[in-house]
Structure formats: C-alpha cells, structure tokens
Full PDB file with SEQRES, HELIX, SHEET, SSBOND, CRYST1, ORIGX, SCALE, CONECT and MASTER records, all heavy atoms in Angstrom:
SEQRES   1 A   37  TYR ALA LYS ASP ILE PRO MET ASN ILE TYR GLU PHE LYS          
SEQRES   2 A   37  VAL ASN ASP ILE HIS ASN ASN GLU VAL LYS LEU ASP LYS          
SEQRES   3 A   37  TYR LYS GLY GLU VAL LEU LEU ILE VAL ASN VAL                  
HELIX    1 AA1 ALA A    2  ASP A    4  5                                   3    
HELIX    2 AA2 ILE A    9  GLU A   11  5                                   3    
HELIX    3 AA3 LEU A   24  TYR A   27  5                                   4    
SHEET    1 AA1 2 LYS A  13  ASN A  15  0                                        
SHEET    2 AA1 2 GLU A  21  LYS A  23 -1                                        
CRYST1    1.000    1.000    1.000  90.00  90.00  90.00 P 1           1          
ORIGX1      1.000000  0.000000  0.000000        0.00000                         
ORIGX2      0.000000  1.000000  0.000000        0.00000                         
ORIGX3      0.000000  0.000000  1.000000        0.00000                         
SCALE1      1.000000  0.000000  0.000000        0.00000                         
SCALE2      0.000000  1.000000  0.000000        0.00000                         
SCALE3      0.000000  0.000000  1.000000        0.00000                         
ATOM      1  N   TYR A   1       1.165   1.129  21.612  1.00  0.00           N  
ATOM      2  CA  TYR A   1       2.049   0.466  20.752  1.00  0.00           C  
ATOM      3  C   TYR A   1       1.396   0.039  19.423  1.00  0.00           C  
ATOM      4  O   TYR A   1       1.884   0.343  18.327  1.00  0.00           O  
ATOM      5  CB  TYR A   1       2.837  -0.685  21.309  1.00  0.00           C  
ATOM      6  CG  TYR A   1       3.824  -1.369  20.530  1.00  0.00           C  
ATOM      7  CD1 TYR A   1       5.002  -0.773  20.143  1.00  0.00           C  
ATOM      8  CD2 TYR A   1       3.597  -2.602  19.868  1.00  0.00           C  
ATOM      9  CE1 TYR A   1       5.975  -1.401  19.257  1.00  0.00           C  
ATOM     10  CE2 TYR A   1       4.514  -3.195  19.200  1.00  0.00           C  
ATOM     11  CZ  TYR A   1       5.668  -2.555  18.834  1.00  0.00           C  
ATOM     12  OH  TYR A   1       6.632  -3.268  18.001  1.00  0.00           O  
ATOM     13  N   ALA A   2       0.213  -0.523  19.542  1.00  0.00           N  
ATOM     14  CA  ALA A   2      -0.476  -1.242  18.481  1.00  0.00           C  
ATOM     15  C   ALA A   2      -1.062  -0.170  17.566  1.00  0.00           C  
ATOM     16  O   ALA A   2      -1.217  -0.457  16.356  1.00  0.00           O  
ATOM     17  CB  ALA A   2      -1.661  -2.114  19.018  1.00  0.00           C  
ATOM     18  N   LYS A   3      -1.377   1.076  18.018  1.00  0.00           N  
ATOM     19  CA  LYS A   3      -2.027   1.972  17.178  1.00  0.00           C  
ATOM     20  C   LYS A   3      -0.994   2.544  16.130  1.00  0.00           C  
ATOM     21  O   LYS A   3      -1.407   3.071  15.116  1.00  0.00           O  
ATOM     22  CB  LYS A   3      -2.567   3.232  17.983  1.00  0.00           C  
ATOM     23  CG  LYS A   3      -1.514   4.160  18.578  1.00  0.00           C  
ATOM     24  CD  LYS A   3      -2.147   5.349  19.310  1.00  0.00           C  
ATOM     25  CE  LYS A   3      -1.102   6.361  19.666  1.00  0.00           C  
ATOM     26  NZ  LYS A   3      -1.729   7.605  20.250  1.00  0.00           N  
ATOM     27  N   ASP A   4       0.203   2.300  16.269  1.00  0.00           N  
ATOM     28  CA  ASP A   4       1.307   2.804  15.397  1.00  0.00           C  
ATOM     29  C   ASP A   4       1.637   1.580  14.506  1.00  0.00           C  
ATOM     30  O   ASP A   4       2.494   1.770  13.598  1.00  0.00           O  
ATOM     31  CB  ASP A   4       2.567   3.313  16.132  1.00  0.00           C  
ATOM     32  CG  ASP A   4       2.191   4.511  16.925  1.00  0.00           C  
ATOM     33  OD1 ASP A   4       1.444   5.345  16.419  1.00  0.00           O  
ATOM     34  OD2 ASP A   4       2.826   4.683  17.949  1.00  0.00           O  
ATOM     35  N   ILE A   5       1.117   0.361  14.561  1.00  0.00           N  
ATOM     36  CA  ILE A   5       1.462  -0.785  13.822  1.00  0.00           C  
ATOM     37  C   ILE A   5       0.329  -0.964  12.713  1.00  0.00           C  
ATOM     38  O   ILE A   5      -0.794  -1.160  13.176  1.00  0.00           O  
ATOM     39  CB  ILE A   5       1.538  -2.071  14.617  1.00  0.00           C  
ATOM     40  CG1 ILE A   5       2.743  -1.870  15.686  1.00  0.00           C  
ATOM     41  CG2 ILE A   5       1.879  -3.270  13.728  1.00  0.00           C  
ATOM     42  CD1 ILE A   5       2.783  -2.998  16.692  1.00  0.00           C  
ATOM     43  N   PRO A   6       0.671  -0.795  11.569  1.00  0.00           N  
ATOM     44  CA  PRO A   6      -0.300  -1.043  10.500  1.00  0.00           C  
ATOM     45  C   PRO A   6      -0.982  -2.382  10.595  1.00  0.00           C  
ATOM     46  O   PRO A   6      -0.294  -3.400  10.819  1.00  0.00           O  
ATOM     47  CB  PRO A   6       0.543  -0.879   9.154  1.00  0.00           C  
ATOM     48  CG  PRO A   6       1.661  -0.192   9.535  1.00  0.00           C  
ATOM     49  CD  PRO A   6       1.987  -0.655  10.938  1.00  0.00           C  
ATOM     50  N   MET A   7      -2.315  -2.527  10.328  1.00  0.00           N  
ATOM     51  CA  MET A   7      -3.003  -3.784  10.319  1.00  0.00           C  
ATOM     52  C   MET A   7      -2.917  -4.386   8.986  1.00  0.00           C  
ATOM     53  O   MET A   7      -3.121  -5.611   8.878  1.00  0.00           O  
ATOM     54  CB  MET A   7      -4.418  -3.607  10.793  1.00  0.00           C  
ATOM     55  CG  MET A   7      -4.568  -3.006  12.172  1.00  0.00           C  
ATOM     56  SD  MET A   7      -3.827  -4.000  13.386  1.00  0.00           S  
ATOM     57  CE  MET A   7      -4.961  -5.456  13.456  1.00  0.00           C  
ATOM     58  N   ASN A   8      -2.722  -3.627   7.898  1.00  0.00           N  
ATOM     59  CA  ASN A   8      -2.755  -4.154   6.426  1.00  0.00           C  
ATOM     60  C   ASN A   8      -2.026  -3.241   5.588  1.00  0.00           C  
ATOM     61  O   ASN A   8      -1.707  -2.144   6.106  1.00  0.00           O  
ATOM     62  CB  ASN A   8      -4.089  -4.613   6.036  1.00  0.00           C  
ATOM     63  CG  ASN A   8      -5.064  -3.398   6.040  1.00  0.00           C  
ATOM     64  OD1 ASN A   8      -4.829  -2.334   5.634  1.00  0.00           O  
ATOM     65  ND2 ASN A   8      -6.243  -3.639   6.875  1.00  0.00           N  
ATOM     66  N   ILE A   9      -1.970  -3.575   4.318  1.00  0.00           N  
ATOM     67  CA  ILE A   9      -1.105  -2.663   3.506  1.00  0.00           C  
ATOM     68  C   ILE A   9      -1.911  -1.430   3.065  1.00  0.00           C  
ATOM     69  O   ILE A   9      -1.328  -0.412   2.460  1.00  0.00           O  
ATOM     70  CB  ILE A   9      -0.677  -3.380   2.170  1.00  0.00           C  
ATOM     71  CG1 ILE A   9      -1.848  -3.831   1.322  1.00  0.00           C  
ATOM     72  CG2 ILE A   9       0.097  -4.684   2.542  1.00  0.00           C  
ATOM     73  CD1 ILE A   9      -1.475  -4.075  -0.099  1.00  0.00           C  
ATOM     74  N   TYR A  10      -3.169  -1.445   3.241  1.00  0.00           N  
ATOM     75  CA  TYR A  10      -3.973  -0.299   2.898  1.00  0.00           C  
ATOM     76  C   TYR A  10      -3.561   1.009   3.573  1.00  0.00           C  
ATOM     77  O   TYR A  10      -4.120   2.111   3.160  1.00  0.00           O  
ATOM     78  CB  TYR A  10      -5.540  -0.485   3.138  1.00  0.00           C  
ATOM     79  CG  TYR A  10      -6.017  -1.767   2.425  1.00  0.00           C  
ATOM     80  CD1 TYR A  10      -6.972  -2.585   2.982  1.00  0.00           C  
ATOM     81  CD2 TYR A  10      -5.486  -2.199   1.036  1.00  0.00           C  
ATOM     82  CE1 TYR A  10      -7.443  -3.810   2.375  1.00  0.00           C  
ATOM     83  CE2 TYR A  10      -5.981  -3.422   0.435  1.00  0.00           C  
ATOM     84  CZ  TYR A  10      -6.868  -4.191   1.091  1.00  0.00           C  
ATOM     85  OH  TYR A  10      -7.340  -5.303   0.441  1.00  0.00           O  
ATOM     86  N   GLU A  11      -2.874   0.973   4.680  1.00  0.00           N  
ATOM     87  CA  GLU A  11      -2.449   2.103   5.325  1.00  0.00           C  
ATOM     88  C   GLU A  11      -1.350   2.840   4.772  1.00  0.00           C  
ATOM     89  O   GLU A  11      -0.823   3.866   5.339  1.00  0.00           O  
ATOM     90  CB  GLU A  11      -2.231   1.770   6.897  1.00  0.00           C  
ATOM     91  CG  GLU A  11      -3.406   1.247   7.561  1.00  0.00           C  
ATOM     92  CD  GLU A  11      -3.234   0.817   8.937  1.00  0.00           C  
ATOM     93  OE1 GLU A  11      -2.436   1.563   9.623  1.00  0.00           O  
ATOM     94  OE2 GLU A  11      -3.790  -0.213   9.404  1.00  0.00           O  
ATOM     95  N   PHE A  12      -0.663   2.210   3.710  1.00  0.00           N  
ATOM     96  CA  PHE A  12       0.567   2.854   3.254  1.00  0.00           C  
ATOM     97  C   PHE A  12       0.329   3.643   1.865  1.00  0.00           C  
ATOM     98  O   PHE A  12      -0.720   3.434   1.061  1.00  0.00           O  
ATOM     99  CB  PHE A  12       1.460   1.714   2.783  1.00  0.00           C  
ATOM    100  CG  PHE A  12       2.021   0.994   4.076  1.00  0.00           C  
ATOM    101  CD1 PHE A  12       1.471  -0.140   4.471  1.00  0.00           C  
ATOM    102  CD2 PHE A  12       3.073   1.494   4.828  1.00  0.00           C  
ATOM    103  CE1 PHE A  12       1.817  -0.869   5.523  1.00  0.00           C  
ATOM    104  CE2 PHE A  12       3.482   0.866   5.878  1.00  0.00           C  
ATOM    105  CZ  PHE A  12       2.920  -0.336   6.339  1.00  0.00           C  
ATOM    106  N   LYS A  13       1.162   4.571   1.661  1.00  0.00           N  
ATOM    107  CA  LYS A  13       1.220   5.325   0.456  1.00  0.00           C  
ATOM    108  C   LYS A  13       2.559   5.074  -0.203  1.00  0.00           C  
ATOM    109  O   LYS A  13       3.576   4.971   0.460  1.00  0.00           O  
ATOM    110  CB  LYS A  13       0.950   6.835   0.783  1.00  0.00           C  
ATOM    111  CG  LYS A  13      -0.266   7.226   1.328  1.00  0.00           C  
ATOM    112  CD  LYS A  13      -0.232   8.719   1.783  1.00  0.00           C  
ATOM    113  CE  LYS A  13      -1.514   9.118   2.495  1.00  0.00           C  
ATOM    114  NZ  LYS A  13      -1.382  10.513   3.054  1.00  0.00           N  
ATOM    115  N   VAL A  14       2.570   5.022  -1.567  1.00  0.00           N  
ATOM    116  CA  VAL A  14       3.873   4.769  -2.340  1.00  0.00           C  
ATOM    117  C   VAL A  14       3.772   5.738  -3.516  1.00  0.00           C  
ATOM    118  O   VAL A  14       2.717   6.298  -3.850  1.00  0.00           O  
ATOM    119  CB  VAL A  14       3.987   3.344  -2.698  1.00  0.00           C  
ATOM    120  CG1 VAL A  14       4.302   2.464  -1.487  1.00  0.00           C  
ATOM    121  CG2 VAL A  14       2.776   2.978  -3.531  1.00  0.00           C  
ATOM    122  N   ASN A  15       4.867   5.797  -4.284  1.00  0.00           N  
ATOM    123  CA  ASN A  15       4.876   6.556  -5.567  1.00  0.00           C  
ATOM    124  C   ASN A  15       4.999   5.637  -6.694  1.00  0.00           C  
ATOM    125  O   ASN A  15       5.648   4.677  -6.714  1.00  0.00           O  
ATOM    126  CB  ASN A  15       6.102   7.443  -5.596  1.00  0.00           C  
ATOM    127  CG  ASN A  15       6.106   8.572  -4.489  1.00  0.00           C  
ATOM    128  OD1 ASN A  15       4.931   9.091  -4.164  1.00  0.00           O  
ATOM    129  ND2 ASN A  15       7.177   9.119  -4.133  1.00  0.00           N  
ATOM    130  N   ASP A  16       4.031   5.893  -7.699  1.00  0.00           N  
ATOM    131  CA  ASP A  16       4.153   5.027  -8.929  1.00  0.00           C  
ATOM    132  C   ASP A  16       5.281   5.357  -9.788  1.00  0.00           C  
ATOM    133  O   ASP A  16       6.246   6.338  -9.364  1.00  0.00           O  
ATOM    134  CB  ASP A  16       2.813   5.079  -9.611  1.00  0.00           C  
ATOM    135  CG  ASP A  16       2.557   6.419 -10.244  1.00  0.00           C  
ATOM    136  OD1 ASP A  16       3.463   7.208 -10.339  1.00  0.00           O  
ATOM    137  OD2 ASP A  16       1.374   6.685 -10.646  1.00  0.00           O  
ATOM    138  N   ILE A  17       5.482   4.686 -10.822  1.00  0.00           N  
ATOM    139  CA  ILE A  17       6.547   4.822 -11.668  1.00  0.00           C  
ATOM    140  C   ILE A  17       6.728   6.376 -12.324  1.00  0.00           C  
ATOM    141  O   ILE A  17       7.826   6.720 -12.719  1.00  0.00           O  
ATOM    142  CB  ILE A  17       6.569   3.799 -12.829  1.00  0.00           C  
ATOM    143  CG1 ILE A  17       7.969   3.689 -13.521  1.00  0.00           C  
ATOM    144  CG2 ILE A  17       5.492   4.087 -13.801  1.00  0.00           C  
ATOM    145  CD1 ILE A  17       8.795   2.729 -12.774  1.00  0.00           C  
ATOM    146  N   HIS A  18       5.561   7.035 -12.262  1.00  0.00           N  
ATOM    147  CA  HIS A  18       5.631   8.385 -12.621  1.00  0.00           C  
ATOM    148  C   HIS A  18       5.788   9.397 -11.557  1.00  0.00           C  
ATOM    149  O   HIS A  18       5.548  10.593 -11.699  1.00  0.00           O  
ATOM    150  CB  HIS A  18       4.400   8.738 -13.483  1.00  0.00           C  
ATOM    151  CG  HIS A  18       4.116   7.857 -14.662  1.00  0.00           C  
ATOM    152  ND1 HIS A  18       4.893   7.834 -15.756  1.00  0.00           N  
ATOM    153  CD2 HIS A  18       3.179   6.832 -14.786  1.00  0.00           C  
ATOM    154  CE1 HIS A  18       4.485   6.919 -16.586  1.00  0.00           C  
ATOM    155  NE2 HIS A  18       3.485   6.323 -16.048  1.00  0.00           N  
ATOM    156  N   ASN A  19       6.159   8.829 -10.399  1.00  0.00           N  
ATOM    157  CA  ASN A  19       6.228   9.587  -9.116  1.00  0.00           C  
ATOM    158  C   ASN A  19       4.967  10.267  -8.513  1.00  0.00           C  
ATOM    159  O   ASN A  19       4.966  11.277  -7.839  1.00  0.00           O  
ATOM    160  CB  ASN A  19       7.404  10.713  -9.303  1.00  0.00           C  
ATOM    161  CG  ASN A  19       8.642  10.029  -9.063  1.00  0.00           C  
ATOM    162  OD1 ASN A  19       8.860   9.317  -8.124  1.00  0.00           O  
ATOM    163  ND2 ASN A  19       9.663  10.443  -9.754  1.00  0.00           N  
ATOM    164  N   ASN A  20       3.846   9.772  -8.955  1.00  0.00           N  
ATOM    165  CA  ASN A  20       2.589  10.205  -8.371  1.00  0.00           C  
ATOM    166  C   ASN A  20       2.243   9.372  -7.162  1.00  0.00           C  
ATOM    167  O   ASN A  20       2.511   8.182  -7.040  1.00  0.00           O  
ATOM    168  CB  ASN A  20       1.470   9.909  -9.415  1.00  0.00           C  
ATOM    169  CG  ASN A  20       1.627  10.820 -10.664  1.00  0.00           C  
ATOM    170  OD1 ASN A  20       1.945  11.964 -10.615  1.00  0.00           O  
ATOM    171  ND2 ASN A  20       1.527  10.121 -11.846  1.00  0.00           N  
ATOM    172  N   GLU A  21       1.778  10.001  -6.106  1.00  0.00           N  
ATOM    173  CA  GLU A  21       1.478   9.372  -4.855  1.00  0.00           C  
ATOM    174  C   GLU A  21       0.283   8.399  -5.050  1.00  0.00           C  
ATOM    175  O   GLU A  21      -0.759   8.822  -5.650  1.00  0.00           O  
ATOM    176  CB  GLU A  21       1.180  10.311  -3.634  1.00  0.00           C  
ATOM    177  CG  GLU A  21       0.964   9.615  -2.336  1.00  0.00           C  
ATOM    178  CD  GLU A  21       0.767  10.589  -1.310  1.00  0.00           C  
ATOM    179  OE1 GLU A  21      -0.449  11.120  -1.080  1.00  0.00           O  
ATOM    180  OE2 GLU A  21       1.697  10.990  -0.611  1.00  0.00           O  
ATOM    181  N   VAL A  22       0.286   7.168  -4.594  1.00  0.00           N  
ATOM    182  CA  VAL A  22      -0.736   6.282  -4.694  1.00  0.00           C  
ATOM    183  C   VAL A  22      -0.957   5.652  -3.282  1.00  0.00           C  
ATOM    184  O   VAL A  22      -0.207   5.124  -2.611  1.00  0.00           O  
ATOM    185  CB  VAL A  22      -0.302   5.093  -5.606  1.00  0.00           C  
ATOM    186  CG1 VAL A  22      -1.467   3.983  -5.593  1.00  0.00           C  
ATOM    187  CG2 VAL A  22      -0.030   5.528  -6.978  1.00  0.00           C  
ATOM    188  N   LYS A  23      -2.323   5.837  -2.847  1.00  0.00           N  
ATOM    189  CA  LYS A  23      -2.755   5.215  -1.566  1.00  0.00           C  
ATOM    190  C   LYS A  23      -3.172   3.733  -1.962  1.00  0.00           C  
ATOM    191  O   LYS A  23      -3.921   3.481  -2.824  1.00  0.00           O  
ATOM    192  CB  LYS A  23      -4.040   5.932  -1.133  1.00  0.00           C  
ATOM    193  CG  LYS A  23      -3.611   7.354  -0.710  1.00  0.00           C  
ATOM    194  CD  LYS A  23      -4.875   8.095  -0.182  1.00  0.00           C  
ATOM    195  CE  LYS A  23      -4.693   9.490   0.291  1.00  0.00           C  
ATOM    196  NZ  LYS A  23      -5.792  10.227   0.843  1.00  0.00           N  
ATOM    197  N   LEU A  24      -2.555   2.800  -1.037  1.00  0.00           N  
ATOM    198  CA  LEU A  24      -2.805   1.317  -1.514  1.00  0.00           C  
ATOM    199  C   LEU A  24      -4.202   0.849  -1.140  1.00  0.00           C  
ATOM    200  O   LEU A  24      -4.529  -0.195  -1.564  1.00  0.00           O  
ATOM    201  CB  LEU A  24      -1.766   0.570  -0.817  1.00  0.00           C  
ATOM    202  CG  LEU A  24      -0.307   0.767  -1.246  1.00  0.00           C  
ATOM    203  CD1 LEU A  24       0.617  -0.217  -0.606  1.00  0.00           C  
ATOM    204  CD2 LEU A  24      -0.177   0.653  -2.840  1.00  0.00           C  
ATOM    205  N   ASP A  25      -4.893   1.725  -0.602  1.00  0.00           N  
ATOM    206  CA  ASP A  25      -6.342   1.325  -0.193  1.00  0.00           C  
ATOM    207  C   ASP A  25      -7.231   1.278  -1.577  1.00  0.00           C  
ATOM    208  O   ASP A  25      -8.255   0.780  -1.514  1.00  0.00           O  
ATOM    209  CB  ASP A  25      -7.006   2.220   0.734  1.00  0.00           C  
ATOM    210  CG  ASP A  25      -7.122   3.742   0.319  1.00  0.00           C  
ATOM    211  OD1 ASP A  25      -6.752   4.011  -0.760  1.00  0.00           O  
ATOM    212  OD2 ASP A  25      -7.622   4.540   1.150  1.00  0.00           O  
ATOM    213  N   LYS A  26      -6.508   1.739  -2.595  1.00  0.00           N  
ATOM    214  CA  LYS A  26      -7.311   1.578  -3.911  1.00  0.00           C  
ATOM    215  C   LYS A  26      -7.381   0.105  -4.310  1.00  0.00           C  
ATOM    216  O   LYS A  26      -8.098  -0.155  -5.274  1.00  0.00           O  
ATOM    217  CB  LYS A  26      -6.512   2.459  -5.015  1.00  0.00           C  
ATOM    218  CG  LYS A  26      -5.178   1.849  -5.450  1.00  0.00           C  
ATOM    219  CD  LYS A  26      -4.549   2.679  -6.567  1.00  0.00           C  
ATOM    220  CE  LYS A  26      -5.065   2.159  -7.858  1.00  0.00           C  
ATOM    221  NZ  LYS A  26      -4.410   2.782  -9.038  1.00  0.00           N  
ATOM    222  N   TYR A  27      -6.449  -0.768  -3.687  1.00  0.00           N  
ATOM    223  CA  TYR A  27      -6.533  -2.125  -3.990  1.00  0.00           C  
ATOM    224  C   TYR A  27      -7.379  -2.941  -3.093  1.00  0.00           C  
ATOM    225  O   TYR A  27      -7.267  -4.171  -3.082  1.00  0.00           O  
ATOM    226  CB  TYR A  27      -5.066  -2.638  -4.024  1.00  0.00           C  
ATOM    227  CG  TYR A  27      -4.193  -2.003  -5.202  1.00  0.00           C  
ATOM    228  CD1 TYR A  27      -3.225  -1.032  -4.720  1.00  0.00           C  
ATOM    229  CD2 TYR A  27      -4.304  -2.423  -6.402  1.00  0.00           C  
ATOM    230  CE1 TYR A  27      -2.408  -0.569  -5.669  1.00  0.00           C  
ATOM    231  CE2 TYR A  27      -3.431  -1.853  -7.444  1.00  0.00           C  
ATOM    232  CZ  TYR A  27      -2.581  -0.986  -6.992  1.00  0.00           C  
ATOM    233  OH  TYR A  27      -1.797  -0.408  -7.999  1.00  0.00           O  
ATOM    234  N   LYS A  28      -8.192  -2.246  -2.222  1.00  0.00           N  
ATOM    235  CA  LYS A  28      -9.015  -3.013  -1.357  1.00  0.00           C  
ATOM    236  C   LYS A  28      -9.816  -4.012  -2.045  1.00  0.00           C  
ATOM    237  O   LYS A  28     -10.459  -3.696  -3.238  1.00  0.00           O  
ATOM    238  CB  LYS A  28     -10.007  -2.046  -0.594  1.00  0.00           C  
ATOM    239  CG  LYS A  28      -9.388  -1.433   0.599  1.00  0.00           C  
ATOM    240  CD  LYS A  28     -10.304  -0.687   1.372  1.00  0.00           C  
ATOM    241  CE  LYS A  28      -9.665  -0.032   2.658  1.00  0.00           C  
ATOM    242  NZ  LYS A  28     -10.522   0.829   3.433  1.00  0.00           N  
ATOM    243  N   GLY A  29      -9.944  -5.197  -1.527  1.00  0.00           N  
ATOM    244  CA  GLY A  29     -10.801  -6.291  -2.082  1.00  0.00           C  
ATOM    245  C   GLY A  29     -10.139  -7.087  -3.215  1.00  0.00           C  
ATOM    246  O   GLY A  29     -10.866  -8.070  -3.764  1.00  0.00           O  
ATOM    247  N   GLU A  30      -8.755  -6.753  -3.410  1.00  0.00           N  
ATOM    248  CA  GLU A  30      -8.206  -7.567  -4.485  1.00  0.00           C  
ATOM    249  C   GLU A  30      -6.950  -8.290  -3.954  1.00  0.00           C  
ATOM    250  O   GLU A  30      -6.452  -7.895  -2.984  1.00  0.00           O  
ATOM    251  CB  GLU A  30      -7.586  -6.513  -5.594  1.00  0.00           C  
ATOM    252  CG  GLU A  30      -8.755  -5.787  -6.334  1.00  0.00           C  
ATOM    253  CD  GLU A  30      -8.333  -4.813  -7.311  1.00  0.00           C  
ATOM    254  OE1 GLU A  30      -7.475  -4.016  -7.138  1.00  0.00           O  
ATOM    255  OE2 GLU A  30      -8.799  -4.937  -8.493  1.00  0.00           O  
ATOM    256  N   VAL A  31      -6.728  -9.402  -4.645  1.00  0.00           N  
ATOM    257  CA  VAL A  31      -5.564 -10.213  -4.211  1.00  0.00           C  
ATOM    258  C   VAL A  31      -4.193  -9.585  -4.956  1.00  0.00           C  
ATOM    259  O   VAL A  31      -4.360  -9.290  -6.226  1.00  0.00           O  
ATOM    260  CB  VAL A  31      -5.723 -11.749  -4.680  1.00  0.00           C  
ATOM    261  CG1 VAL A  31      -4.396 -12.531  -4.424  1.00  0.00           C  
ATOM    262  CG2 VAL A  31      -6.971 -12.278  -4.076  1.00  0.00           C  
ATOM    263  N   LEU A  32      -3.255  -9.388  -4.201  1.00  0.00           N  
ATOM    264  CA  LEU A  32      -2.013  -8.787  -4.815  1.00  0.00           C  
ATOM    265  C   LEU A  32      -0.767  -9.698  -4.708  1.00  0.00           C  
ATOM    266  O   LEU A  32      -0.659 -10.470  -3.792  1.00  0.00           O  
ATOM    267  CB  LEU A  32      -1.811  -7.416  -4.090  1.00  0.00           C  
ATOM    268  CG  LEU A  32      -2.942  -6.511  -3.866  1.00  0.00           C  
ATOM    269  CD1 LEU A  32      -2.458  -5.254  -2.916  1.00  0.00           C  
ATOM    270  CD2 LEU A  32      -3.306  -5.980  -5.224  1.00  0.00           C  
ATOM    271  N   LEU A  33       0.044  -9.498  -5.617  1.00  0.00           N  
ATOM    272  CA  LEU A  33       1.450 -10.044  -5.554  1.00  0.00           C  
ATOM    273  C   LEU A  33       2.375  -8.789  -5.597  1.00  0.00           C  
ATOM    274  O   LEU A  33       2.447  -8.098  -6.720  1.00  0.00           O  
ATOM    275  CB  LEU A  33       1.689 -10.991  -6.744  1.00  0.00           C  
ATOM    276  CG  LEU A  33       2.963 -11.764  -6.692  1.00  0.00           C  
ATOM    277  CD1 LEU A  33       2.886 -12.781  -5.544  1.00  0.00           C  
ATOM    278  CD2 LEU A  33       3.282 -12.642  -7.884  1.00  0.00           C  
ATOM    279  N   ILE A  34       3.241  -8.615  -4.692  1.00  0.00           N  
ATOM    280  CA  ILE A  34       4.005  -7.481  -4.615  1.00  0.00           C  
ATOM    281  C   ILE A  34       5.476  -8.043  -4.768  1.00  0.00           C  
ATOM    282  O   ILE A  34       5.959  -9.030  -4.141  1.00  0.00           O  
ATOM    283  CB  ILE A  34       4.015  -6.708  -3.283  1.00  0.00           C  
ATOM    284  CG1 ILE A  34       2.561  -6.172  -3.069  1.00  0.00           C  
ATOM    285  CG2 ILE A  34       5.007  -5.556  -3.205  1.00  0.00           C  
ATOM    286  CD1 ILE A  34       2.386  -5.384  -1.873  1.00  0.00           C  
ATOM    287  N   VAL A  35       6.204  -7.481  -5.785  1.00  0.00           N  
ATOM    288  CA  VAL A  35       7.618  -8.001  -6.143  1.00  0.00           C  
ATOM    289  C   VAL A  35       8.630  -6.881  -6.354  1.00  0.00           C  
ATOM    290  O   VAL A  35       8.314  -5.842  -6.853  1.00  0.00           O  
ATOM    291  CB  VAL A  35       7.379  -8.695  -7.660  1.00  0.00           C  
ATOM    292  CG1 VAL A  35       8.714  -9.544  -7.882  1.00  0.00           C  
ATOM    293  CG2 VAL A  35       6.231  -9.588  -7.694  1.00  0.00           C  
ATOM    294  N   ASN A  36       9.746  -7.072  -5.740  1.00  0.00           N  
ATOM    295  CA  ASN A  36      10.882  -6.197  -6.051  1.00  0.00           C  
ATOM    296  C   ASN A  36      11.635  -6.585  -7.335  1.00  0.00           C  
ATOM    297  O   ASN A  36      12.031  -7.844  -7.348  1.00  0.00           O  
ATOM    298  CB  ASN A  36      11.788  -5.946  -4.940  1.00  0.00           C  
ATOM    299  CG  ASN A  36      12.498  -7.300  -4.564  1.00  0.00           C  
ATOM    300  OD1 ASN A  36      11.874  -8.289  -4.097  1.00  0.00           O  
ATOM    301  ND2 ASN A  36      13.806  -7.293  -4.675  1.00  0.00           N  
ATOM    302  N   VAL A  37      11.721  -5.809  -8.335  1.00  0.00           N  
ATOM    303  CA  VAL A  37      12.233  -6.276  -9.666  1.00  0.00           C  
ATOM    304  C   VAL A  37      13.528  -5.608 -10.025  1.00  0.00           C  
ATOM    305  O   VAL A  37      13.822  -4.484  -9.355  1.00  0.00           O  
ATOM    306  CB  VAL A  37      11.066  -5.983 -10.657  1.00  0.00           C  
ATOM    307  CG1 VAL A  37       9.848  -6.848 -10.433  1.00  0.00           C  
ATOM    308  CG2 VAL A  37      10.671  -4.422 -10.697  1.00  0.00           C  
TER     309      VAL A  37                                                      
MASTER        0    0    0    3    2    0    0    6  308    1    0    3          
END                                                                             
C-alpha cells in the first residue's frame, strides 16, 4: 500500500502555463507556496 503513496511532492509531474511537462523534483531543496488562483 505504501509504495503507491507519494512521500513528497517531488514524485509528481504537472503542466506549466505553456503546457510543458514539469517534474516537481526540480524544486528540491526549496521552500514552496502552492496556490490555486
């Protein structure tokens, strides 16, 4: 069960405003504020 549960946000991929895929591990080591706008 646990192997399917992400441990942090770095395991996710999203699309940026230009629809390019972004791996969130690019933000490793940084403090983030995620907001729905």
